[in-house]
N, C-alpha and C. Protein backbone atom coordinates (compact mmCIF):
# COMPACT_ATOMS: atom_id res chain seq x y z
N MET A 1 0.81 -1.19 0.00
CA MET A 1 0.00 0.00 0.00
C MET A 1 0.86 1.26 0.00
N GLN A 2 1.97 1.21 0.73
CA GLN A 2 2.83 2.39 0.79
C GLN A 2 3.57 2.62 -0.52
N SER A 3 3.80 1.57 -1.28
CA SER A 3 4.50 1.73 -2.55
C SER A 3 3.66 2.54 -3.55
N ASP A 4 2.33 2.46 -3.43
CA ASP A 4 1.47 3.28 -4.29
C ASP A 4 1.70 4.76 -4.03
N TRP A 5 1.83 5.13 -2.76
CA TRP A 5 2.06 6.52 -2.40
C TRP A 5 3.43 6.99 -2.84
N ILE A 6 4.40 6.08 -2.87
CA ILE A 6 5.74 6.45 -3.36
C ILE A 6 5.67 6.81 -4.84
N PHE A 7 4.92 6.04 -5.60
CA PHE A 7 4.78 6.34 -7.03
C PHE A 7 4.04 7.66 -7.25
N ILE A 8 3.03 7.92 -6.45
CA ILE A 8 2.30 9.19 -6.58
C ILE A 8 3.21 10.35 -6.23
N GLY A 9 3.98 10.22 -5.15
CA GLY A 9 4.93 11.27 -4.77
C GLY A 9 5.99 11.48 -5.83
N LEU A 10 6.51 10.40 -6.41
CA LEU A 10 7.50 10.51 -7.48
C LEU A 10 6.89 11.18 -8.70
N PHE A 11 5.66 10.83 -9.01
CA PHE A 11 4.98 11.46 -10.14
C PHE A 11 4.81 12.95 -9.92
N LEU A 12 4.39 13.36 -8.71
CA LEU A 12 4.22 14.78 -8.41
C LEU A 12 5.55 15.52 -8.48
N LEU A 13 6.63 14.88 -8.06
CA LEU A 13 7.95 15.50 -8.16
C LEU A 13 8.34 15.71 -9.62
N ILE A 14 8.11 14.72 -10.44
CA ILE A 14 8.43 14.83 -11.87
C ILE A 14 7.56 15.90 -12.54
N VAL A 15 6.27 15.94 -12.15
CA VAL A 15 5.36 16.93 -12.72
C VAL A 15 5.83 18.35 -12.38
N ALA A 16 6.36 18.55 -11.20
CA ALA A 16 6.86 19.88 -10.83
C ALA A 16 8.21 20.16 -11.47
N LEU A 17 9.00 19.14 -11.68
CA LEU A 17 10.36 19.32 -12.18
C LEU A 17 10.39 19.62 -13.68
N PHE A 18 9.53 18.96 -14.46
CA PHE A 18 9.58 19.14 -15.91
C PHE A 18 9.36 20.59 -16.35
N PRO A 19 8.31 21.26 -15.92
CA PRO A 19 8.19 22.66 -16.35
C PRO A 19 9.05 23.61 -15.52
N GLY A 20 9.32 23.25 -14.27
CA GLY A 20 10.06 24.16 -13.39
C GLY A 20 11.53 24.27 -13.72
N ALA A 21 12.15 23.16 -14.07
CA ALA A 21 13.60 23.16 -14.33
C ALA A 21 13.97 24.05 -15.52
N PRO A 22 13.32 23.96 -16.68
CA PRO A 22 13.70 24.85 -17.78
C PRO A 22 13.47 26.33 -17.48
N ILE A 23 12.39 26.62 -16.75
CA ILE A 23 12.13 28.02 -16.41
C ILE A 23 13.21 28.53 -15.47
N PHE A 24 13.58 27.73 -14.49
CA PHE A 24 14.63 28.12 -13.56
C PHE A 24 15.96 28.29 -14.27
N LEU A 25 16.31 27.34 -15.14
CA LEU A 25 17.58 27.42 -15.87
C LEU A 25 17.61 28.62 -16.81
N ALA A 26 16.51 28.91 -17.47
CA ALA A 26 16.46 30.06 -18.38
C ALA A 26 16.65 31.36 -17.61
N GLY A 27 16.04 31.46 -16.44
CA GLY A 27 16.23 32.66 -15.63
C GLY A 27 17.64 32.77 -15.08
N LEU A 28 18.27 31.63 -14.87
CA LEU A 28 19.61 31.62 -14.30
C LEU A 28 20.68 31.98 -15.32
N ILE A 29 20.57 31.46 -16.54
CA ILE A 29 21.64 31.66 -17.52
C ILE A 29 21.35 32.74 -18.56
N SER A 30 20.14 33.30 -18.56
CA SER A 30 19.83 34.32 -19.56
C SER A 30 20.49 35.64 -19.19
N PRO A 31 20.88 36.44 -20.19
CA PRO A 31 21.50 37.73 -19.88
C PRO A 31 20.47 38.74 -19.36
N HIS A 32 20.88 39.54 -18.41
CA HIS A 32 20.00 40.55 -17.82
C HIS A 32 20.61 41.92 -18.11
N ARG A 33 20.15 42.55 -19.18
CA ARG A 33 20.63 43.88 -19.55
C ARG A 33 19.43 44.79 -19.81
N PRO A 34 18.80 45.29 -18.75
CA PRO A 34 17.63 46.15 -18.96
C PRO A 34 18.03 47.49 -19.55
N SER A 35 17.17 48.03 -20.41
CA SER A 35 17.41 49.34 -21.00
C SER A 35 16.07 49.99 -21.32
N LEU A 36 16.11 51.30 -21.58
CA LEU A 36 14.88 52.01 -21.92
C LEU A 36 14.32 51.53 -23.26
N ARG A 37 15.18 51.20 -24.18
CA ARG A 37 14.76 50.75 -25.50
C ARG A 37 13.94 49.46 -25.41
N LYS A 38 14.33 48.56 -24.49
CA LYS A 38 13.61 47.29 -24.36
C LYS A 38 12.23 47.47 -23.73
N SER A 39 12.02 48.53 -22.97
CA SER A 39 10.74 48.71 -22.30
C SER A 39 9.77 49.58 -23.10
N GLU A 40 10.14 49.97 -24.32
CA GLU A 40 9.24 50.75 -25.16
C GLU A 40 8.15 49.86 -25.75
N THR A 41 7.05 50.48 -26.12
CA THR A 41 5.96 49.74 -26.74
C THR A 41 6.37 49.33 -28.15
N TYR A 42 6.13 48.08 -28.49
CA TYR A 42 6.55 47.53 -29.78
C TYR A 42 5.44 46.63 -30.29
N GLU A 43 5.09 46.83 -31.55
CA GLU A 43 4.08 45.97 -32.13
C GLU A 43 4.35 45.81 -33.62
N CYS A 44 4.60 44.60 -34.04
CA CYS A 44 4.74 44.24 -35.45
C CYS A 44 5.84 45.02 -36.16
N GLY A 45 6.85 45.44 -35.47
CA GLY A 45 7.96 46.13 -36.10
C GLY A 45 7.69 47.58 -36.43
N ILE A 46 6.52 48.08 -36.10
CA ILE A 46 6.18 49.46 -36.40
C ILE A 46 6.08 50.23 -35.09
N GLU A 47 6.70 51.38 -35.04
CA GLU A 47 6.62 52.19 -33.85
C GLU A 47 5.22 52.77 -33.74
N THR A 48 4.67 52.75 -32.53
CA THR A 48 3.30 53.22 -32.34
C THR A 48 3.23 54.73 -32.44
N VAL A 49 2.10 55.20 -32.96
CA VAL A 49 1.87 56.63 -33.09
C VAL A 49 0.59 56.95 -32.33
N GLY A 50 0.63 57.93 -31.50
CA GLY A 50 -0.57 58.33 -30.76
C GLY A 50 -0.80 57.44 -29.55
N ASP A 51 -2.06 57.36 -29.16
CA ASP A 51 -2.44 56.59 -27.98
C ASP A 51 -2.37 55.10 -28.29
N THR A 52 -1.68 54.35 -27.47
CA THR A 52 -1.55 52.91 -27.70
C THR A 52 -2.60 52.12 -26.94
N TRP A 53 -3.42 52.77 -26.16
CA TRP A 53 -4.46 52.09 -25.39
C TRP A 53 -5.71 51.96 -26.26
N VAL A 54 -6.10 50.73 -26.56
CA VAL A 54 -7.28 50.48 -27.37
C VAL A 54 -8.29 49.74 -26.51
N GLN A 55 -9.49 50.23 -26.47
CA GLN A 55 -10.53 49.57 -25.68
C GLN A 55 -11.44 48.77 -26.61
N PHE A 56 -11.79 47.58 -26.17
CA PHE A 56 -12.72 46.74 -26.90
C PHE A 56 -14.09 46.85 -26.26
N ARG A 57 -15.10 46.61 -27.04
CA ARG A 57 -16.45 46.64 -26.49
C ARG A 57 -16.65 45.44 -25.57
N VAL A 58 -17.40 45.64 -24.52
CA VAL A 58 -17.67 44.59 -23.54
C VAL A 58 -18.46 43.45 -24.19
N GLN A 59 -19.20 43.77 -25.23
CA GLN A 59 -20.01 42.76 -25.90
C GLN A 59 -19.16 41.61 -26.44
N TYR A 60 -17.95 41.89 -26.88
CA TYR A 60 -17.08 40.83 -27.37
C TYR A 60 -16.72 39.84 -26.26
N TYR A 61 -16.45 40.37 -25.07
CA TYR A 61 -16.11 39.49 -23.95
C TYR A 61 -17.31 38.67 -23.51
N ILE A 62 -18.49 39.29 -23.49
CA ILE A 62 -19.70 38.55 -23.10
C ILE A 62 -20.00 37.46 -24.12
N PHE A 63 -19.81 37.77 -25.39
CA PHE A 63 -20.01 36.77 -26.44
C PHE A 63 -19.03 35.62 -26.26
N ALA A 64 -17.77 35.92 -25.95
CA ALA A 64 -16.76 34.89 -25.75
C ALA A 64 -17.08 34.04 -24.52
N LEU A 65 -17.54 34.65 -23.46
CA LEU A 65 -17.89 33.89 -22.26
C LEU A 65 -19.11 33.00 -22.52
N THR A 66 -20.06 33.50 -23.28
CA THR A 66 -21.22 32.67 -23.62
C THR A 66 -20.79 31.48 -24.46
N PHE A 67 -19.91 31.70 -25.41
CA PHE A 67 -19.38 30.59 -26.20
C PHE A 67 -18.66 29.59 -25.30
N LEU A 68 -17.88 30.09 -24.34
CA LEU A 68 -17.14 29.23 -23.45
C LEU A 68 -18.07 28.36 -22.61
N VAL A 69 -19.16 28.93 -22.13
CA VAL A 69 -20.12 28.16 -21.34
C VAL A 69 -20.70 27.03 -22.17
N PHE A 70 -21.10 27.31 -23.41
CA PHE A 70 -21.70 26.28 -24.24
C PHE A 70 -20.67 25.30 -24.77
N ASP A 71 -19.41 25.71 -24.80
CA ASP A 71 -18.36 24.79 -25.21
C ASP A 71 -18.02 23.84 -24.09
N VAL A 72 -17.96 24.33 -22.88
CA VAL A 72 -17.64 23.49 -21.72
C VAL A 72 -18.76 22.51 -21.42
N GLU A 73 -19.99 22.89 -21.68
CA GLU A 73 -21.09 21.96 -21.41
C GLU A 73 -21.01 20.73 -22.29
N LEU A 74 -20.35 20.81 -23.42
CA LEU A 74 -20.17 19.63 -24.25
C LEU A 74 -19.30 18.58 -23.56
N VAL A 75 -18.38 19.03 -22.72
CA VAL A 75 -17.55 18.10 -21.96
C VAL A 75 -18.41 17.26 -21.03
N PHE A 76 -19.48 17.84 -20.52
CA PHE A 76 -20.39 17.11 -19.64
C PHE A 76 -21.40 16.27 -20.42
N LEU A 77 -21.80 16.74 -21.59
CA LEU A 77 -22.82 16.03 -22.35
C LEU A 77 -22.27 14.86 -23.15
N PHE A 78 -21.02 14.90 -23.54
CA PHE A 78 -20.47 13.82 -24.37
C PHE A 78 -20.48 12.48 -23.65
N PRO A 79 -19.98 12.37 -22.41
CA PRO A 79 -20.05 11.06 -21.73
C PRO A 79 -21.49 10.62 -21.49
N TRP A 80 -22.38 11.57 -21.25
CA TRP A 80 -23.79 11.24 -21.04
C TRP A 80 -24.38 10.63 -22.33
N ALA A 81 -24.02 11.21 -23.47
CA ALA A 81 -24.54 10.69 -24.74
C ALA A 81 -23.94 9.33 -25.08
N VAL A 82 -22.68 9.12 -24.73
CA VAL A 82 -22.03 7.83 -25.03
C VAL A 82 -22.66 6.72 -24.19
N ALA A 83 -22.95 6.99 -22.93
CA ALA A 83 -23.50 5.98 -22.03
C ALA A 83 -25.02 6.07 -21.93
N PHE A 84 -25.67 6.65 -22.90
CA PHE A 84 -27.12 6.89 -22.83
C PHE A 84 -27.92 5.61 -22.67
N GLU A 85 -27.54 4.56 -23.38
CA GLU A 85 -28.32 3.31 -23.34
C GLU A 85 -28.18 2.57 -22.02
N GLN A 86 -27.08 2.80 -21.29
CA GLN A 86 -26.88 2.11 -20.01
C GLN A 86 -27.40 2.92 -18.82
N LEU A 87 -27.89 4.13 -19.04
CA LEU A 87 -28.32 4.99 -17.94
C LEU A 87 -29.69 4.58 -17.40
N SER A 88 -29.87 4.83 -16.12
CA SER A 88 -31.19 4.62 -15.52
C SER A 88 -32.07 5.81 -15.86
N LEU A 89 -33.31 5.75 -15.42
CA LEU A 89 -34.24 6.84 -15.69
C LEU A 89 -33.75 8.13 -15.04
N PHE A 90 -33.18 8.02 -13.84
CA PHE A 90 -32.64 9.20 -13.16
C PHE A 90 -31.51 9.83 -13.97
N GLY A 91 -30.64 9.02 -14.55
CA GLY A 91 -29.55 9.54 -15.36
C GLY A 91 -30.04 10.25 -16.61
N VAL A 92 -31.04 9.68 -17.25
CA VAL A 92 -31.61 10.30 -18.45
C VAL A 92 -32.29 11.62 -18.10
N LEU A 93 -33.08 11.62 -17.02
CA LEU A 93 -33.78 12.85 -16.62
C LEU A 93 -32.79 13.92 -16.15
N SER A 94 -31.71 13.51 -15.53
CA SER A 94 -30.69 14.49 -15.12
C SER A 94 -30.08 15.17 -16.34
N GLY A 95 -29.78 14.39 -17.37
CA GLY A 95 -29.24 14.95 -18.60
C GLY A 95 -30.22 15.87 -19.30
N VAL A 96 -31.48 15.47 -19.33
CA VAL A 96 -32.51 16.30 -19.95
C VAL A 96 -32.68 17.60 -19.17
N PHE A 97 -32.64 17.52 -17.84
CA PHE A 97 -32.74 18.72 -17.01
C PHE A 97 -31.55 19.66 -17.27
N PHE A 98 -30.37 19.09 -17.42
CA PHE A 98 -29.17 19.89 -17.73
C PHE A 98 -29.33 20.59 -19.07
N ILE A 99 -29.84 19.88 -20.06
CA ILE A 99 -30.05 20.48 -21.38
C ILE A 99 -31.10 21.58 -21.31
N LEU A 100 -32.15 21.39 -20.50
CA LEU A 100 -33.17 22.42 -20.34
C LEU A 100 -32.59 23.68 -19.67
N ILE A 101 -31.70 23.51 -18.71
CA ILE A 101 -31.05 24.66 -18.08
C ILE A 101 -30.22 25.41 -19.13
N LEU A 102 -29.49 24.68 -19.95
CA LEU A 102 -28.69 25.32 -20.99
C LEU A 102 -29.57 26.03 -22.02
N PHE A 103 -30.71 25.43 -22.34
CA PHE A 103 -31.63 26.07 -23.28
C PHE A 103 -32.19 27.36 -22.69
N ALA A 104 -32.48 27.35 -21.38
CA ALA A 104 -32.97 28.57 -20.72
C ALA A 104 -31.87 29.64 -20.73
N GLU A 105 -30.64 29.23 -20.55
CA GLU A 105 -29.54 30.20 -20.62
C GLU A 105 -29.40 30.77 -22.03
N LEU A 106 -29.55 29.93 -23.03
CA LEU A 106 -29.47 30.40 -24.41
C LEU A 106 -30.59 31.40 -24.70
N LEU A 107 -31.79 31.11 -24.24
CA LEU A 107 -32.91 32.05 -24.44
C LEU A 107 -32.66 33.37 -23.71
N ALA A 108 -32.11 33.30 -22.49
CA ALA A 108 -31.83 34.53 -21.74
C ALA A 108 -30.77 35.36 -22.45
N ALA A 109 -29.75 34.71 -22.98
CA ALA A 109 -28.71 35.43 -23.71
C ALA A 109 -29.27 36.03 -24.99
N TRP A 110 -30.14 35.31 -25.65
CA TRP A 110 -30.74 35.80 -26.88
C TRP A 110 -31.62 37.02 -26.61
N ARG A 111 -32.43 36.95 -25.52
CA ARG A 111 -33.31 38.07 -25.18
C ARG A 111 -32.54 39.31 -24.78
N LYS A 112 -31.36 39.13 -24.15
CA LYS A 112 -30.54 40.28 -23.74
C LYS A 112 -29.77 40.88 -24.93
N GLY A 113 -29.72 40.18 -26.05
CA GLY A 113 -29.02 40.68 -27.22
C GLY A 113 -27.54 40.37 -27.23
N VAL A 114 -27.13 39.39 -26.42
CA VAL A 114 -25.72 39.02 -26.37
C VAL A 114 -25.28 38.40 -27.68
N LEU A 115 -26.17 37.72 -28.36
CA LEU A 115 -25.80 37.02 -29.58
C LEU A 115 -25.85 37.90 -30.83
N GLU A 116 -26.21 39.16 -30.66
CA GLU A 116 -26.21 40.11 -31.78
C GLU A 116 -24.79 40.60 -32.01
N TRP A 117 -24.32 40.51 -33.21
CA TRP A 117 -22.94 40.92 -33.53
C TRP A 117 -22.97 42.20 -34.34
N ALA A 118 -23.30 43.30 -33.67
CA ALA A 118 -23.37 44.58 -34.39
C ALA A 118 -22.74 45.69 -33.61
């Protein structure tokens, strides 16, 4: 039983070491020469003219979040659809209830005008 925990601990150590070691080594051996030129705003090789602060409409973010919600719900619905024939009545009704909640959210977003791209 204790050998299982040793493998889990070793796995967690390796998981921390793989991304951590290159980041640590890069910070250790990379040159550090800060200058004013390096901290200037730079975009696509063209020097910026005027105000570099650009604001986006909030509607784009709300649209993206709505897409994200409906994209993530597929992660929950896919296993339900695969195991549909083996589910009990409670499992089927739970999935249908989940779909109804998502449909209500879609209607609410539609009524608020979130899905209008204008």
